[in-house]
N, C-alpha and C. Protein backbone atom coordinates (compact mmCIF):
# COMPACT_ATOMS: atom_id res chain seq x y z
N MET A 1 42.22 89.21 -226.44
CA MET A 1 40.68 89.65 -226.18
C MET A 1 40.84 90.05 -227.25
N PRO A 2 39.74 90.59 -228.31
CA PRO A 2 39.46 91.51 -229.28
C PRO A 2 38.50 92.90 -228.48
N ILE A 3 38.38 93.02 -227.68
CA ILE A 3 37.58 94.12 -226.87
C ILE A 3 38.21 94.41 -226.11
N SER A 4 38.38 96.16 -225.31
CA SER A 4 38.87 96.46 -224.69
C SER A 4 38.41 96.07 -222.75
N LEU A 5 38.70 95.81 -221.85
CA LEU A 5 38.67 95.56 -220.77
C LEU A 5 38.79 96.43 -220.15
N THR A 6 38.09 97.11 -219.19
CA THR A 6 38.13 97.53 -217.70
C THR A 6 38.72 97.55 -216.55
N ASN A 7 38.62 97.79 -215.95
CA ASN A 7 39.52 97.26 -214.35
C ASN A 7 38.24 96.18 -214.02
N GLU A 8 37.40 96.97 -214.11
CA GLU A 8 35.74 96.76 -213.30
C GLU A 8 35.64 94.94 -214.41
N MET A 9 35.79 94.61 -215.44
CA MET A 9 35.66 93.51 -216.60
C MET A 9 36.26 92.63 -216.22
N MET A 10 38.22 92.92 -216.02
CA MET A 10 38.87 91.90 -215.54
C MET A 10 38.68 91.46 -214.38
N ARG A 11 37.91 92.21 -213.02
CA ARG A 11 37.78 92.15 -211.56
C ARG A 11 36.73 90.87 -211.68
N ALA A 12 35.96 91.60 -212.67
CA ALA A 12 34.64 89.98 -212.84
C ALA A 12 34.74 89.09 -213.10
N ILE A 13 36.02 89.25 -214.30
CA ILE A 13 35.85 87.65 -214.62
C ILE A 13 36.81 86.55 -213.94
N ILE A 14 37.34 87.31 -213.23
CA ILE A 14 39.05 86.70 -211.67
C ILE A 14 37.79 86.48 -211.15
N MET A 15 36.89 87.00 -210.02
CA MET A 15 36.37 86.65 -209.24
C MET A 15 34.66 85.54 -209.47
N ASP A 16 34.35 85.35 -211.21
CA ASP A 16 33.86 84.31 -211.72
C ASP A 16 33.98 83.48 -211.73
N HIS A 17 35.92 83.48 -212.18
CA HIS A 17 36.25 81.89 -211.95
C HIS A 17 37.33 81.56 -210.71
N SER A 18 37.13 82.32 -209.70
CA SER A 18 37.35 82.43 -208.71
C SER A 18 36.06 81.63 -207.89
N SER A 19 34.98 81.94 -208.07
CA SER A 19 33.76 81.66 -207.02
C SER A 19 33.09 80.32 -208.25
N ASN A 20 33.37 80.48 -209.30
CA ASN A 20 32.97 78.36 -210.02
C ASN A 20 34.04 78.08 -211.06
N PRO A 21 34.83 77.64 -210.04
CA PRO A 21 35.70 77.65 -211.00
C PRO A 21 35.74 76.02 -211.80
N THR A 22 35.08 75.60 -213.59
CA THR A 22 35.12 74.18 -213.68
C THR A 22 35.47 73.46 -214.12
N ASN A 23 37.36 73.50 -213.87
CA ASN A 23 38.17 73.34 -213.51
C ASN A 23 39.09 72.26 -212.31
N LYS A 24 37.94 72.91 -211.35
CA LYS A 24 38.98 72.30 -210.29
C LYS A 24 38.08 70.93 -209.95
N HIS A 25 39.01 69.11 -209.83
CA HIS A 25 37.89 68.33 -209.95
C HIS A 25 39.73 67.90 -209.82
N VAL A 26 39.54 66.72 -209.10
CA VAL A 26 40.53 65.39 -209.39
C VAL A 26 39.80 64.81 -210.88
N PRO A 27 40.59 64.14 -211.98
CA PRO A 27 40.12 62.85 -213.12
C PRO A 27 40.19 62.16 -212.61
N SER A 28 38.97 61.79 -213.17
CA SER A 28 37.93 60.50 -212.91
C SER A 28 38.18 59.69 -213.82
N LYS A 29 39.60 59.55 -214.39
CA LYS A 29 39.46 58.26 -215.75
C LYS A 29 41.18 58.61 -215.71
N GLU A 30 42.35 57.80 -215.84
CA GLU A 30 43.48 57.97 -215.51
C GLU A 30 44.29 57.84 -217.49
N GLY A 31 45.82 58.63 -217.20
CA GLY A 31 45.66 58.99 -218.37
C GLY A 31 47.30 60.47 -218.13
N TYR A 32 46.79 60.89 -216.93
CA TYR A 32 46.79 62.08 -216.41
C TYR A 32 48.22 62.34 -215.76
N GLU A 33 48.67 64.01 -216.03
CA GLU A 33 50.11 63.41 -215.55
C GLU A 33 49.87 65.02 -214.58
N LYS A 34 50.82 64.61 -213.64
CA LYS A 34 50.21 65.53 -211.86
C LYS A 34 51.49 65.94 -212.21
N GLU A 35 51.55 67.16 -211.16
CA GLU A 35 52.48 68.21 -210.49
C GLU A 35 52.15 68.85 -209.45
N HIS A 36 52.33 68.85 -208.59
CA HIS A 36 51.78 69.66 -207.51
C HIS A 36 53.00 70.51 -207.12
N MET A 37 51.86 71.70 -206.77
CA MET A 37 52.52 73.14 -206.60
C MET A 37 52.03 73.46 -205.74
N HIS A 38 53.50 74.75 -204.51
CA HIS A 38 52.40 75.71 -203.20
C HIS A 38 53.37 76.43 -202.91
N SER A 39 52.71 77.97 -202.48
CA SER A 39 53.49 78.48 -202.74
C SER A 39 53.83 79.11 -200.78
N ASP A 40 55.17 79.52 -200.56
CA ASP A 40 55.84 79.99 -198.93
C ASP A 40 54.74 80.58 -198.87
N ASN A 41 54.27 81.27 -199.67
CA ASN A 41 54.00 83.39 -199.31
C ASN A 41 52.71 83.57 -199.10
N CYS A 42 51.85 82.33 -199.55
CA CYS A 42 50.48 82.29 -199.90
C CYS A 42 49.68 80.93 -199.25
N ILE A 43 48.36 81.06 -199.56
CA ILE A 43 47.42 79.31 -199.12
C ILE A 43 47.82 78.56 -200.26
N ASP A 44 48.10 79.10 -201.22
CA ASP A 44 48.60 77.81 -202.86
C ASP A 44 48.81 76.72 -202.71
N ASP A 45 48.63 75.89 -202.44
CA ASP A 45 48.53 74.20 -202.93
C ASP A 45 47.46 74.03 -203.83
N LEU A 46 48.33 73.76 -204.57
CA LEU A 46 47.49 73.07 -206.03
C LEU A 46 48.66 71.82 -206.72
N ASP A 47 47.48 71.00 -206.58
CA ASP A 47 47.51 69.57 -207.89
C ASP A 47 47.37 69.80 -208.96
N ILE A 48 48.15 70.39 -209.96
CA ILE A 48 47.39 70.23 -211.88
C ILE A 48 47.45 68.92 -212.83
N TYR A 49 46.95 68.65 -213.45
CA TYR A 49 46.53 67.36 -214.13
C TYR A 49 46.32 67.87 -214.96
N LEU A 50 47.24 67.28 -216.34
CA LEU A 50 46.93 67.36 -217.81
C LEU A 50 46.99 65.91 -218.64
N LYS A 51 46.39 65.53 -219.34
CA LYS A 51 46.52 64.58 -219.84
C LYS A 51 46.64 65.24 -221.50
N VAL A 52 47.59 64.28 -221.71
CA VAL A 52 48.35 64.35 -222.95
C VAL A 52 48.21 62.93 -223.82
N GLU A 53 47.13 63.74 -225.40
CA GLU A 53 47.46 62.60 -226.54
C GLU A 53 47.50 62.97 -227.65
N ASN A 54 48.24 61.90 -228.44
CA ASN A 54 48.95 61.93 -229.33
C ASN A 54 49.21 63.69 -229.93
N GLY A 55 50.51 64.12 -228.52
CA GLY A 55 50.18 65.83 -228.80
C GLY A 55 49.62 66.77 -228.87
N ILE A 56 48.00 65.81 -228.42
CA ILE A 56 47.38 67.15 -227.67
C ILE A 56 46.66 67.72 -226.37
N VAL A 57 46.69 68.23 -226.18
CA VAL A 57 46.61 68.66 -224.72
C VAL A 57 44.83 68.47 -224.49
N VAL A 58 44.72 67.02 -224.26
CA VAL A 58 43.11 66.93 -223.97
C VAL A 58 42.49 67.40 -222.97
N ASP A 59 42.95 66.61 -221.97
CA ASP A 59 42.10 67.66 -220.48
C ASP A 59 43.47 68.70 -220.08
N ALA A 60 42.37 69.21 -218.77
CA ALA A 60 43.52 69.89 -217.11
C ALA A 60 42.31 70.26 -216.49
N CYS A 61 43.10 70.15 -215.78
CA CYS A 61 42.11 69.95 -214.29
C CYS A 61 42.91 69.80 -212.92
N PHE A 62 42.45 70.83 -211.89
CA PHE A 62 43.48 71.32 -211.28
C PHE A 62 42.73 70.85 -209.37
N GLU A 63 43.61 70.12 -208.70
CA GLU A 63 42.30 70.16 -207.32
C GLU A 63 43.50 71.35 -205.87
N GLY A 64 42.99 71.65 -205.07
CA GLY A 64 43.60 71.84 -204.11
C GLY A 64 42.92 73.69 -203.50
N VAL A 65 43.88 73.83 -202.48
CA VAL A 65 43.41 75.27 -201.85
C VAL A 65 44.65 76.12 -202.81
N ALA A 66 43.39 77.59 -202.73
CA ALA A 66 44.26 78.29 -203.41
C ALA A 66 43.55 80.25 -203.12
N CYS A 67 44.43 81.35 -203.30
CA CYS A 67 44.21 81.67 -203.04
C CYS A 67 42.89 82.42 -204.57
N THR A 68 42.75 83.79 -204.32
CA THR A 68 41.61 83.63 -205.72
C THR A 68 42.02 84.21 -207.07
N ILE A 69 43.62 85.12 -206.75
CA ILE A 69 44.40 84.87 -208.02
C ILE A 69 44.65 83.21 -208.25
N SER A 70 45.17 82.50 -208.11
CA SER A 70 45.78 81.47 -208.03
C SER A 70 44.83 79.89 -208.92
N LEU A 71 43.17 80.38 -207.65
CA LEU A 71 42.02 79.69 -208.36
C LEU A 71 41.66 80.00 -210.09
N SER A 72 41.44 81.51 -210.39
CA SER A 72 41.10 82.33 -211.06
C SER A 72 42.40 81.60 -212.45
N SER A 73 43.15 81.73 -211.89
CA SER A 73 44.20 82.55 -213.19
C SER A 73 44.73 80.76 -213.44
N THR A 74 44.21 79.71 -212.88
CA THR A 74 44.42 78.23 -212.54
C THR A 74 43.40 77.94 -213.87
N ASP A 75 42.38 77.85 -213.52
CA ASP A 75 41.32 77.83 -214.22
C ASP A 75 40.79 78.77 -215.58
N ILE A 76 41.26 79.40 -215.84
CA ILE A 76 41.66 79.62 -217.30
C ILE A 76 42.32 79.21 -217.76
N MET A 77 43.64 79.23 -216.96
CA MET A 77 44.74 78.23 -217.61
C MET A 77 43.93 77.16 -218.44
N CYS A 78 43.63 76.34 -217.22
CA CYS A 78 43.10 74.90 -218.15
C CYS A 78 42.22 74.84 -219.14
N ASP A 79 40.85 75.91 -219.35
CA ASP A 79 40.38 76.16 -220.31
C ASP A 79 40.71 76.58 -221.59
N LEU A 80 42.19 76.93 -221.72
CA LEU A 80 42.90 77.76 -223.08
C LEU A 80 43.41 76.30 -223.04
N MET A 81 43.74 75.83 -222.37
CA MET A 81 44.99 74.77 -222.63
C MET A 81 44.21 73.03 -223.65
N LYS A 82 43.04 73.24 -223.34
CA LYS A 82 42.57 72.44 -223.89
C LYS A 82 42.52 71.99 -225.48
N GLY A 83 43.02 70.97 -226.09
CA GLY A 83 42.77 71.17 -227.63
C GLY A 83 43.86 71.93 -228.11
N LYS A 84 44.64 72.63 -227.47
CA LYS A 84 45.82 72.84 -227.94
C LYS A 84 46.99 71.62 -228.06
N THR A 85 47.79 71.87 -229.22
CA THR A 85 49.42 71.16 -229.65
C THR A 85 50.16 71.65 -227.73
N ILE A 86 50.46 70.45 -227.92
CA ILE A 86 52.45 70.89 -227.32
C ILE A 86 52.61 72.22 -227.27
N GLU A 87 53.32 72.27 -228.61
CA GLU A 87 53.34 73.69 -229.30
C GLU A 87 52.52 74.66 -228.49
N LYS A 88 51.47 74.23 -228.90
CA LYS A 88 50.69 76.03 -228.72
C LYS A 88 50.62 75.93 -227.79
N ALA A 89 50.30 74.90 -226.25
CA ALA A 89 49.95 74.87 -225.17
C ALA A 89 51.79 76.05 -224.53
N ARG A 90 53.28 75.58 -224.78
CA ARG A 90 53.86 75.85 -224.20
C ARG A 90 54.55 77.39 -225.08
N TYR A 91 53.82 77.58 -226.03
CA TYR A 91 54.16 79.39 -226.62
C TYR A 91 52.78 80.24 -225.40
N MET A 92 52.07 79.44 -225.68
CA MET A 92 51.04 80.44 -224.90
C MET A 92 51.18 80.43 -223.13
N ILE A 93 52.28 79.29 -222.67
CA ILE A 93 52.49 79.44 -221.20
C ILE A 93 53.53 80.36 -221.90
N GLU A 94 54.95 80.41 -222.31
CA GLU A 94 55.55 81.84 -222.87
C GLU A 94 55.14 82.72 -222.48
N GLN A 95 54.40 83.58 -223.50
CA GLN A 95 54.00 84.29 -223.34
C GLN A 95 52.94 85.56 -222.28
N TYR A 96 52.31 84.22 -221.37
CA TYR A 96 51.63 84.71 -220.61
C TYR A 96 52.72 85.28 -219.36
N GLN A 97 54.37 84.29 -219.36
CA GLN A 97 55.31 84.98 -218.26
C GLN A 97 55.83 85.66 -218.87
N HIS A 98 55.56 85.98 -220.26
CA HIS A 98 56.14 87.73 -220.50
C HIS A 98 55.30 88.42 -219.97
N MET A 99 53.90 88.48 -220.25
CA MET A 99 53.19 89.26 -220.19
C MET A 99 53.60 89.43 -218.13
N MET A 100 53.31 88.30 -217.34
CA MET A 100 53.70 88.78 -215.63
C MET A 100 55.00 89.40 -215.93
N HIS A 101 55.95 89.50 -216.47
CA HIS A 101 57.57 90.64 -216.17
C HIS A 101 57.20 91.57 -216.79
N GLU A 102 55.94 91.98 -218.08
CA GLU A 102 56.04 93.25 -218.56
C GLU A 102 57.16 93.98 -219.50
N GLU A 103 56.42 92.29 -220.45
CA GLU A 103 57.85 91.74 -221.26
C GLU A 103 56.79 92.24 -222.58
N PRO A 104 57.08 92.04 -223.73
CA PRO A 104 56.41 92.21 -224.89
C PRO A 104 55.60 90.38 -224.56
N PHE A 105 54.39 90.82 -225.29
CA PHE A 105 53.57 89.10 -225.42
C PHE A 105 52.81 89.03 -226.49
N ASP A 106 52.39 88.25 -227.13
CA ASP A 106 51.63 87.70 -228.30
C ASP A 106 49.64 88.10 -227.21
N ASP A 107 49.22 88.79 -226.67
CA ASP A 107 47.64 88.80 -226.03
C ASP A 107 47.38 87.73 -227.16
N GLU A 108 46.69 87.67 -228.76
CA GLU A 108 46.38 86.68 -228.84
C GLU A 108 45.71 85.45 -228.45
N VAL A 109 47.16 85.50 -228.08
CA VAL A 109 46.86 83.54 -227.62
C VAL A 109 46.33 83.38 -225.95
N LEU A 110 46.31 84.94 -225.47
CA LEU A 110 46.24 84.18 -223.98
C LEU A 110 44.71 84.43 -223.75
N ASP A 111 43.83 84.79 -224.37
CA ASP A 111 42.15 85.58 -224.48
C ASP A 111 42.05 86.30 -223.01
N GLU A 112 41.11 85.42 -222.46
CA GLU A 112 40.63 85.25 -220.78
C GLU A 112 42.02 85.60 -220.02
N ALA A 113 43.10 85.24 -219.71
CA ALA A 113 43.72 85.33 -219.28
C ALA A 113 44.69 86.88 -219.08
N VAL A 114 44.00 87.89 -220.18
CA VAL A 114 45.04 89.42 -220.25
C VAL A 114 44.67 89.64 -218.84
N VAL A 115 43.40 89.64 -218.42
CA VAL A 115 43.28 90.03 -217.45
C VAL A 115 44.00 90.05 -216.26
N PHE A 116 45.40 89.31 -216.28
CA PHE A 116 45.90 88.91 -215.33
C PHE A 116 47.13 90.48 -215.09
N VAL A 117 47.05 90.43 -216.80
CA VAL A 117 47.96 92.23 -217.39
C VAL A 117 48.72 92.67 -216.06
N ASN A 118 47.82 93.53 -214.92
CA ASN A 118 47.76 94.01 -214.20
C ASN A 118 48.97 93.74 -212.81
N THR A 119 48.68 92.51 -213.18
CA THR A 119 49.56 91.56 -211.86
C THR A 119 51.44 92.01 -211.78
N SER A 120 51.16 92.23 -212.34
CA SER A 120 53.60 93.02 -212.05
C SER A 120 53.15 93.74 -211.42
N LYS A 121 52.59 94.55 -211.18
CA LYS A 121 52.19 95.39 -210.58
C LYS A 121 52.54 95.03 -208.79
N GLN A 122 51.88 93.92 -209.33
CA GLN A 122 52.19 94.01 -207.17
C GLN A 122 52.60 92.61 -207.84
N ALA A 123 54.56 92.28 -206.77
CA ALA A 123 55.46 91.81 -207.22
C ALA A 123 55.07 90.26 -206.12
N ALA A 124 53.95 90.78 -204.99
CA ALA A 124 53.74 89.01 -204.59
C ALA A 124 52.78 88.45 -204.64
N ARG A 125 51.67 88.58 -206.04
CA ARG A 125 51.07 88.48 -206.76
C ARG A 125 51.78 87.98 -208.04
N ILE A 126 52.47 87.66 -208.28
CA ILE A 126 52.58 87.48 -209.33
C ILE A 126 52.71 85.30 -209.42
N ARG A 127 53.56 84.74 -208.56
CA ARG A 127 53.92 83.93 -207.77
C ARG A 127 51.50 83.44 -207.92
N CYS A 128 51.47 83.52 -207.64
CA CYS A 128 50.10 83.31 -207.62
C CYS A 128 49.39 83.08 -208.78
N ALA A 129 49.46 83.71 -209.32
CA ALA A 129 49.18 84.08 -210.80
C ALA A 129 50.10 83.27 -211.88
N THR A 130 50.84 82.67 -211.81
CA THR A 130 51.77 81.63 -212.64
C THR A 130 52.11 80.69 -212.06
N ILE A 131 51.19 80.14 -210.24
CA ILE A 131 51.70 78.81 -210.25
C ILE A 131 51.52 77.54 -211.16
N GLY A 132 49.83 77.05 -211.30
CA GLY A 132 49.19 77.03 -212.10
C GLY A 132 49.85 76.94 -213.96
N TRP A 133 50.20 78.05 -213.48
CA TRP A 133 51.01 77.66 -215.66
C TRP A 133 52.31 77.00 -214.77
N ASN A 134 53.18 77.70 -214.54
CA ASN A 134 54.60 76.71 -213.78
C ASN A 134 54.85 75.03 -214.00
N ALA A 135 53.31 74.80 -213.22
CA ALA A 135 53.12 73.33 -213.02
C ALA A 135 53.07 72.67 -214.91
N ALA A 136 52.24 72.86 -215.17
CA ALA A 136 51.84 72.51 -216.83
C ALA A 136 52.72 72.65 -217.51
N ASN A 137 53.87 74.20 -217.46
CA ASN A 137 54.57 74.33 -218.11
C ASN A 137 55.78 73.51 -217.55
N SER A 138 55.90 73.06 -215.89
CA SER A 138 56.68 71.32 -216.07
C SER A 138 56.75 70.21 -216.21
N ILE A 139 55.17 70.43 -217.07
CA ILE A 139 54.49 68.77 -217.60
C ILE A 139 54.50 68.36 -218.36
N LEU A 140 55.08 69.90 -219.79
CA LEU A 140 54.93 69.91 -221.21
C LEU A 140 56.54 69.65 -221.14
N LYS A 141 57.77 70.48 -220.22
CA LYS A 141 58.94 70.79 -221.12
C LYS A 141 59.56 69.44 -221.35
N ASP A 142 59.30 68.21 -221.43
CA ASP A 142 59.71 67.18 -221.60
C ASP A 142 58.60 65.88 -222.49
N LYS A 143 57.97 67.08 -223.96
CA LYS A 143 57.21 66.54 -224.05
C LYS A 143 57.29 67.08 -225.79
């Protein structure tokens, strides 16, 4: 993101996506691939749906129960996936994983997802912040 975010701004973005997730629904049409993910350490139990056509992620959504971090991270991920080529989506997931593990990352491709930059300081929350991303990666890995 081009502007510098304060902790309060990051918290507000996370809470907004958690309270008002725009991508939380079961797809109403066919053609989606689904990956189920859950966490043993949290309430997270999500189904991630991606629709890929001609090498492009044309839609992304999810359904289930999750904590604030998982819910908001997955909602942001769905927003960012839409319209991306498989290669760009994979790159974005890779950069997000680098960020989660305090490795150098390309923040230009993460947009709002950079609000999770401090998650690595709470190791128990990394799984929450990556559960949707891991599911999307699993769906895209063989494409």
